[in-house]
Amino acid sequence: MRHRLETRYRAHRAWAGLRGPDEVMELWENAEGEWTLIITYADGKRCIVAMGEALSPIAGMPHG
């Protein structure tokens, strides 16, 4: 999945955070504003949770 995001969609991992002790959420984005939200479980399985476009920072909120 990582290879596909990096090569096909030219995306990079912009954010990551824990969702409980056994799950990591990752937000991938590219320069065109497209984004993908992925969850990775402790056993190594990964699932796409959501995808979208027009990602932009909110004024006044820290980014990266």
Protein backbone atom coordinates (compact mmCIF):
# COMPACT_ATOMS: atom_id res chain seq x y z
CA MET A 1 0.00 0.00 0.00
CA ARG A 2 2.81 2.39 0.88
CA HIS A 3 4.52 1.81 -2.48
CA ARG A 4 1.28 2.47 -4.36
CA LEU A 5 0.60 5.70 -2.45
CA GLU A 6 4.14 6.95 -3.07
CA THR A 7 4.41 5.99 -6.73
CA ARG A 8 0.90 6.07 -8.17
CA TYR A 9 -0.48 8.98 -6.16
CA ARG A 10 2.81 10.78 -5.36
CA ALA A 11 1.67 10.94 -1.73
CA HIS A 12 3.64 11.17 1.48
CA ARG A 13 2.71 10.43 5.07
CA ALA A 14 1.84 13.80 6.58
CA TRP A 15 0.35 12.82 9.94
CA ALA A 16 0.22 9.79 12.19
CA GLY A 17 -1.44 9.15 15.52
CA LEU A 18 -2.48 6.36 17.84
CA ARG A 19 -6.02 5.09 18.03
CA GLY A 20 -5.77 2.96 21.10
CA PRO A 21 -2.85 0.69 21.99
CA ASP A 22 -3.04 -1.46 18.85
CA GLU A 23 -3.93 0.90 15.99
CA VAL A 24 -2.13 3.67 14.11
CA MET A 25 -3.96 6.18 11.92
CA GLU A 26 -1.99 7.72 9.04
CA LEU A 27 -2.97 10.63 6.82
CA TRP A 28 -1.26 10.61 3.43
CA GLU A 29 -1.43 13.64 1.13
CA ASN A 30 -0.05 14.83 -2.18
CA ALA A 31 0.68 18.23 -3.71
CA GLU A 32 -2.69 18.27 -5.52
CA GLY A 33 -4.59 18.19 -2.21
CA GLU A 34 -5.72 14.57 -2.48
CA TRP A 35 -5.63 12.62 0.78
CA THR A 36 -5.98 9.08 2.10
CA LEU A 37 -6.66 8.02 5.69
CA ILE A 38 -5.27 4.58 6.61
CA ILE A 39 -5.48 2.49 9.76
CA THR A 40 -2.75 -0.03 10.58
CA TYR A 41 -3.48 -2.77 13.11
CA ALA A 42 -0.98 -4.45 15.44
CA ASP A 43 -0.99 -7.58 13.25
CA GLY A 44 0.23 -5.51 10.27
CA LYS A 45 -3.05 -5.36 8.35
CA ARG A 46 -3.83 -1.98 6.79
CA CYS A 47 -7.15 -0.60 5.63
CA ILE A 48 -8.12 2.56 3.77
CA VAL A 49 -10.67 4.35 5.94
CA ALA A 50 -11.40 7.32 3.67
CA MET A 51 -10.11 9.20 0.63
CA GLY A 52 -10.80 12.70 -0.60
CA GLU A 53 -9.56 15.86 -2.25
CA ALA A 54 -9.13 19.58 -1.62
CA LEU A 55 -7.15 19.06 1.60
CA SER A 56 -5.94 22.36 3.00
CA PRO A 57 -4.81 23.63 6.40
CA ILE A 58 -7.25 25.52 8.61
CA ALA A 59 -6.17 29.10 9.30
CA GLY A 60 -4.67 29.43 12.75
CA MET A 61 -4.12 25.70 13.21
CA PRO A 62 -0.57 24.29 13.30
CA HIS A 63 0.40 22.14 10.31
CA GLY A 64 2.99 19.37 10.43
